[in-house]
Amino acid sequence: MALDLTQFQQLLDSAQKADAFKADVKRALKKVSSLLVNLQTAVEDAETLMSDDYTPTVKERKTRTPRTAADAAGEIDPEAPYGRKKDGTPKNKPGRSK
């Protein structure tokens, strides 16, 4: 059972392709498994929200601090022409559309 050099080379090439394919399949499997874990957590969260005994938690809001004069400098002056701010700069950059 003698293998010539070309058959041996073809055997090595097919083995390399198989290894590369195996690595690609492993990578894809890792992605799929992580997606399944994320999906399972999302389903569990949805089941928790849909359960009859679920009560939402109330978040506490932070108290607002009053504005200072430095904060008011950026406000728009309604009496200024062409919508300029109180410091004299234009409201929007000229020539730029939103």
N, C-alpha and C. Protein backbone atom coordinates (compact mmCIF):
# COMPACT_ATOMS: atom_id res chain seq x y z
N MET A 1 0.85 -1.17 0.00
CA MET A 1 0.00 0.00 0.00
C MET A 1 0.89 1.23 0.00
N ALA A 2 1.33 1.57 -1.12
CA ALA A 2 2.23 2.71 -1.25
C ALA A 2 1.42 3.92 -1.72
N LEU A 3 1.61 5.04 -1.02
CA LEU A 3 0.98 6.30 -1.41
C LEU A 3 2.00 7.13 -2.16
N ASP A 4 1.61 7.66 -3.26
CA ASP A 4 2.57 8.54 -3.92
C ASP A 4 2.47 9.93 -3.31
N LEU A 5 3.35 10.81 -3.69
CA LEU A 5 3.48 12.13 -3.08
C LEU A 5 2.25 13.00 -3.30
N THR A 6 1.62 12.94 -4.45
CA THR A 6 0.44 13.77 -4.72
C THR A 6 -0.74 13.32 -3.87
N GLN A 7 -0.91 12.02 -3.68
CA GLN A 7 -2.00 11.55 -2.84
C GLN A 7 -1.77 11.95 -1.38
N PHE A 8 -0.51 11.89 -0.95
CA PHE A 8 -0.19 12.30 0.41
C PHE A 8 -0.45 13.80 0.61
N GLN A 9 -0.11 14.60 -0.38
CA GLN A 9 -0.35 16.04 -0.32
C GLN A 9 -1.86 16.32 -0.28
N GLN A 10 -2.64 15.61 -1.07
CA GLN A 10 -4.09 15.78 -1.06
C GLN A 10 -4.67 15.38 0.30
N LEU A 11 -4.13 14.36 0.89
CA LEU A 11 -4.57 13.93 2.22
C LEU A 11 -4.29 15.01 3.26
N LEU A 12 -3.12 15.62 3.21
CA LEU A 12 -2.78 16.70 4.15
C LEU A 12 -3.67 17.92 3.92
N ASP A 13 -3.92 18.27 2.66
CA ASP A 13 -4.79 19.41 2.36
C ASP A 13 -6.21 19.19 2.88
N SER A 14 -6.72 18.00 2.69
CA SER A 14 -8.08 17.72 3.17
C SER A 14 -8.13 17.73 4.69
N ALA A 15 -7.05 17.31 5.35
CA ALA A 15 -7.00 17.34 6.82
C ALA A 15 -6.97 18.78 7.31
N GLN A 16 -6.22 19.65 6.62
CA GLN A 16 -6.18 21.07 7.00
C GLN A 16 -7.54 21.72 6.81
N LYS A 17 -8.20 21.40 5.71
CA LYS A 17 -9.54 21.95 5.47
C LYS A 17 -10.53 21.47 6.52
N ALA A 18 -10.39 20.21 6.92
CA ALA A 18 -11.27 19.66 7.95
C ALA A 18 -11.03 20.36 9.29
N ASP A 19 -9.76 20.63 9.61
CA ASP A 19 -9.44 21.34 10.86
C ASP A 19 -10.00 22.76 10.83
N ALA A 20 -9.87 23.43 9.69
CA ALA A 20 -10.39 24.79 9.58
C ALA A 20 -11.92 24.78 9.70
N PHE A 21 -12.55 23.80 9.06
CA PHE A 21 -14.00 23.68 9.15
C PHE A 21 -14.44 23.40 10.59
N LYS A 22 -13.68 22.57 11.28
CA LYS A 22 -13.98 22.24 12.67
C LYS A 22 -13.88 23.48 13.55
N ALA A 23 -12.86 24.31 13.32
CA ALA A 23 -12.70 25.54 14.09
C ALA A 23 -13.85 26.50 13.81
N ASP A 24 -14.27 26.60 12.54
CA ASP A 24 -15.40 27.46 12.19
C ASP A 24 -16.69 26.99 12.86
N VAL A 25 -16.88 25.68 12.88
CA VAL A 25 -18.07 25.13 13.53
C VAL A 25 -18.04 25.39 15.03
N LYS A 26 -16.88 25.26 15.65
CA LYS A 26 -16.75 25.54 17.08
C LYS A 26 -17.09 26.98 17.39
N ARG A 27 -16.57 27.92 16.57
CA ARG A 27 -16.86 29.34 16.76
C ARG A 27 -18.36 29.62 16.64
N ALA A 28 -18.96 29.05 15.62
CA ALA A 28 -20.40 29.25 15.41
C ALA A 28 -21.20 28.65 16.55
N LEU A 29 -20.77 27.51 17.05
CA LEU A 29 -21.47 26.86 18.16
C LEU A 29 -21.38 27.70 19.43
N LYS A 30 -20.21 28.32 19.68
CA LYS A 30 -20.08 29.20 20.84
C LYS A 30 -21.02 30.38 20.73
N LYS A 31 -21.13 30.97 19.54
CA LYS A 31 -22.05 32.10 19.35
C LYS A 31 -23.48 31.69 19.58
N VAL A 32 -23.85 30.54 19.02
CA VAL A 32 -25.23 30.06 19.17
C VAL A 32 -25.54 29.77 20.64
N SER A 33 -24.60 29.16 21.34
CA SER A 33 -24.86 28.84 22.75
C SER A 33 -25.00 30.10 23.59
N SER A 34 -24.18 31.12 23.31
CA SER A 34 -24.32 32.36 24.07
C SER A 34 -25.63 33.06 23.74
N LEU A 35 -26.06 32.98 22.48
CA LEU A 35 -27.35 33.56 22.12
C LEU A 35 -28.49 32.82 22.80
N LEU A 36 -28.37 31.50 22.90
CA LEU A 36 -29.41 30.73 23.59
C LEU A 36 -29.48 31.07 25.07
N VAL A 37 -28.33 31.28 25.68
CA VAL A 37 -28.32 31.66 27.10
C VAL A 37 -29.00 33.02 27.27
N ASN A 38 -28.68 33.97 26.39
CA ASN A 38 -29.31 35.29 26.47
C ASN A 38 -30.81 35.19 26.23
N LEU A 39 -31.22 34.36 25.30
CA LEU A 39 -32.64 34.18 25.02
C LEU A 39 -33.35 33.56 26.21
N GLN A 40 -32.72 32.59 26.84
CA GLN A 40 -33.32 31.95 28.00
C GLN A 40 -33.50 32.95 29.13
N THR A 41 -32.52 33.82 29.36
CA THR A 41 -32.65 34.83 30.41
C THR A 41 -33.76 35.81 30.07
N ALA A 42 -33.87 36.18 28.81
CA ALA A 42 -34.94 37.10 28.41
C ALA A 42 -36.31 36.46 28.60
N VAL A 43 -36.43 35.19 28.28
CA VAL A 43 -37.71 34.49 28.47
C VAL A 43 -38.05 34.40 29.96
N GLU A 44 -37.06 34.12 30.79
CA GLU A 44 -37.30 34.06 32.23
C GLU A 44 -37.73 35.42 32.77
N ASP A 45 -37.10 36.50 32.28
CA ASP A 45 -37.50 37.84 32.70
C ASP A 45 -38.92 38.16 32.27
N ALA A 46 -39.28 37.76 31.05
CA ALA A 46 -40.63 37.99 30.56
C ALA A 46 -41.64 37.20 31.37
N GLU A 47 -41.30 35.96 31.73
CA GLU A 47 -42.20 35.17 32.56
C GLU A 47 -42.38 35.81 33.92
N THR A 48 -41.32 36.37 34.47
CA THR A 48 -41.42 37.06 35.75
C THR A 48 -42.34 38.26 35.65
N LEU A 49 -42.20 39.03 34.57
CA LEU A 49 -43.05 40.20 34.39
C LEU A 49 -44.51 39.83 34.18
N MET A 50 -44.76 38.71 33.53
CA MET A 50 -46.13 38.31 33.23
C MET A 50 -46.80 37.54 34.36
N SER A 51 -46.06 37.18 35.39
CA SER A 51 -46.66 36.41 36.47
C SER A 51 -47.68 37.27 37.22
N ASP A 52 -48.64 36.58 37.84
CA ASP A 52 -49.72 37.28 38.54
C ASP A 52 -49.26 37.99 39.80
N ASP A 53 -48.25 37.46 40.45
CA ASP A 53 -47.82 38.05 41.72
C ASP A 53 -46.69 39.08 41.56
N TYR A 54 -46.44 39.53 40.35
CA TYR A 54 -45.37 40.51 40.10
C TYR A 54 -45.83 41.90 40.50
N THR A 55 -45.02 42.60 41.26
CA THR A 55 -45.27 44.01 41.58
C THR A 55 -44.03 44.79 41.22
N PRO A 56 -44.17 45.84 40.42
CA PRO A 56 -42.98 46.61 40.02
C PRO A 56 -42.39 47.37 41.20
N THR A 57 -41.09 47.51 41.18
CA THR A 57 -40.41 48.26 42.23
C THR A 57 -40.46 49.74 41.90
N VAL A 58 -40.60 50.54 42.93
CA VAL A 58 -40.67 51.98 42.74
C VAL A 58 -39.28 52.57 42.88
N LYS A 59 -38.86 53.32 41.86
CA LYS A 59 -37.55 53.95 41.89
C LYS A 59 -37.67 55.31 42.57
N GLU A 60 -36.67 55.64 43.35
CA GLU A 60 -36.66 56.95 43.99
C GLU A 60 -35.95 57.93 43.07
N ARG A 61 -36.56 59.07 42.89
CA ARG A 61 -35.96 60.10 42.04
C ARG A 61 -35.03 60.97 42.86
N LYS A 62 -34.00 61.44 42.19
CA LYS A 62 -33.09 62.38 42.85
C LYS A 62 -33.76 63.74 42.91
N THR A 63 -33.47 64.48 43.96
CA THR A 63 -34.02 65.82 44.05
C THR A 63 -33.28 66.74 43.10
N ARG A 64 -34.02 67.63 42.50
CA ARG A 64 -33.40 68.58 41.57
C ARG A 64 -32.76 69.73 42.31
N THR A 65 -31.64 70.17 41.77
CA THR A 65 -30.98 71.33 42.35
C THR A 65 -31.39 72.55 41.54
N PRO A 66 -31.59 73.68 42.19
CA PRO A 66 -31.99 74.87 41.43
C PRO A 66 -30.89 75.33 40.50
N ARG A 67 -31.30 75.94 39.39
CA ARG A 67 -30.33 76.44 38.41
C ARG A 67 -29.58 77.65 38.94
N THR A 68 -28.34 77.73 38.50
CA THR A 68 -27.53 78.88 38.88
C THR A 68 -27.42 79.82 37.69
N ALA A 69 -26.78 80.94 37.87
CA ALA A 69 -26.62 81.91 36.78
C ALA A 69 -25.75 81.34 35.66
N ALA A 70 -24.80 80.49 36.01
CA ALA A 70 -23.92 79.90 34.98
C ALA A 70 -24.72 78.94 34.10
N ASP A 71 -25.69 78.25 34.67
CA ASP A 71 -26.52 77.34 33.88
C ASP A 71 -27.46 78.12 32.98
N ALA A 72 -27.92 79.26 33.42
CA ALA A 72 -28.88 80.04 32.65
C ALA A 72 -28.24 80.73 31.46
N ALA A 73 -26.91 80.79 31.40
CA ALA A 73 -26.23 81.47 30.30
C ALA A 73 -26.50 80.80 28.97
N GLY A 74 -26.76 79.51 28.95
CA GLY A 74 -27.01 78.80 27.71
C GLY A 74 -28.46 78.84 27.25
N GLU A 75 -29.33 79.48 28.01
CA GLU A 75 -30.74 79.53 27.63
C GLU A 75 -30.95 80.47 26.45
N ILE A 76 -32.04 80.26 25.74
CA ILE A 76 -32.36 81.08 24.58
C ILE A 76 -33.12 82.32 25.03
N ASP A 77 -32.69 83.44 24.54
CA ASP A 77 -33.34 84.70 24.86
C ASP A 77 -34.50 84.91 23.89
N PRO A 78 -35.74 84.92 24.37
CA PRO A 78 -36.87 85.08 23.46
C PRO A 78 -36.92 86.46 22.79
N GLU A 79 -36.29 87.46 23.38
CA GLU A 79 -36.32 88.80 22.82
C GLU A 79 -35.19 89.04 21.82
N ALA A 80 -34.22 88.15 21.76
CA ALA A 80 -33.10 88.33 20.85
C ALA A 80 -33.54 88.01 19.42
N PRO A 81 -33.00 88.76 18.44
CA PRO A 81 -33.39 88.49 17.05
C PRO A 81 -32.76 87.19 16.54
N TYR A 82 -33.46 86.52 15.65
CA TYR A 82 -32.99 85.33 14.96
C TYR A 82 -32.66 84.18 15.91
N GLY A 83 -33.30 84.13 17.03
CA GLY A 83 -33.13 83.00 17.94
C GLY A 83 -31.74 82.85 18.51
N ARG A 84 -31.12 83.95 18.87
CA ARG A 84 -29.79 83.85 19.47
C ARG A 84 -29.90 83.57 20.96
N LYS A 85 -28.83 82.99 21.50
CA LYS A 85 -28.79 82.74 22.93
C LYS A 85 -28.44 84.04 23.64
N LYS A 86 -28.57 84.02 24.96
CA LYS A 86 -28.30 85.24 25.73
C LYS A 86 -26.84 85.66 25.63
N ASP A 87 -25.94 84.72 25.38
CA ASP A 87 -24.54 85.10 25.27
C ASP A 87 -24.18 85.59 23.87
N GLY A 88 -25.16 85.62 22.93
CA GLY A 88 -24.94 86.17 21.61
C GLY A 88 -24.63 85.15 20.54
N THR A 89 -24.43 83.89 20.89
CA THR A 89 -24.13 82.87 19.89
C THR A 89 -25.44 82.37 19.26
N PRO A 90 -25.38 81.93 18.01
CA PRO A 90 -26.61 81.45 17.37
C PRO A 90 -27.10 80.15 18.01
N LYS A 91 -28.40 79.93 17.92
CA LYS A 91 -29.01 78.74 18.47
C LYS A 91 -28.46 77.49 17.78
N ASN A 92 -28.45 77.51 16.48
CA ASN A 92 -27.95 76.39 15.69
C ASN A 92 -26.77 76.87 14.86
N LYS A 93 -25.94 75.94 14.43
CA LYS A 93 -24.85 76.31 13.55
C LYS A 93 -25.43 76.67 12.20
N PRO A 94 -25.03 77.79 11.61
CA PRO A 94 -25.61 78.17 10.31
C PRO A 94 -25.20 77.19 9.21
N GLY A 95 -26.13 76.91 8.32
CA GLY A 95 -25.85 76.07 7.18
C GLY A 95 -25.96 74.59 7.45
N ARG A 96 -26.29 74.21 8.66
CA ARG A 96 -26.43 72.79 8.97
C ARG A 96 -27.88 72.47 9.22
N SER A 97 -28.35 71.46 8.55
CA SER A 97 -29.73 71.04 8.75
C SER A 97 -29.79 69.85 9.67
N LYS A 98 -30.90 69.67 10.30
CA LYS A 98 -31.04 68.56 11.24
C LYS A 98 -31.59 67.37 10.52
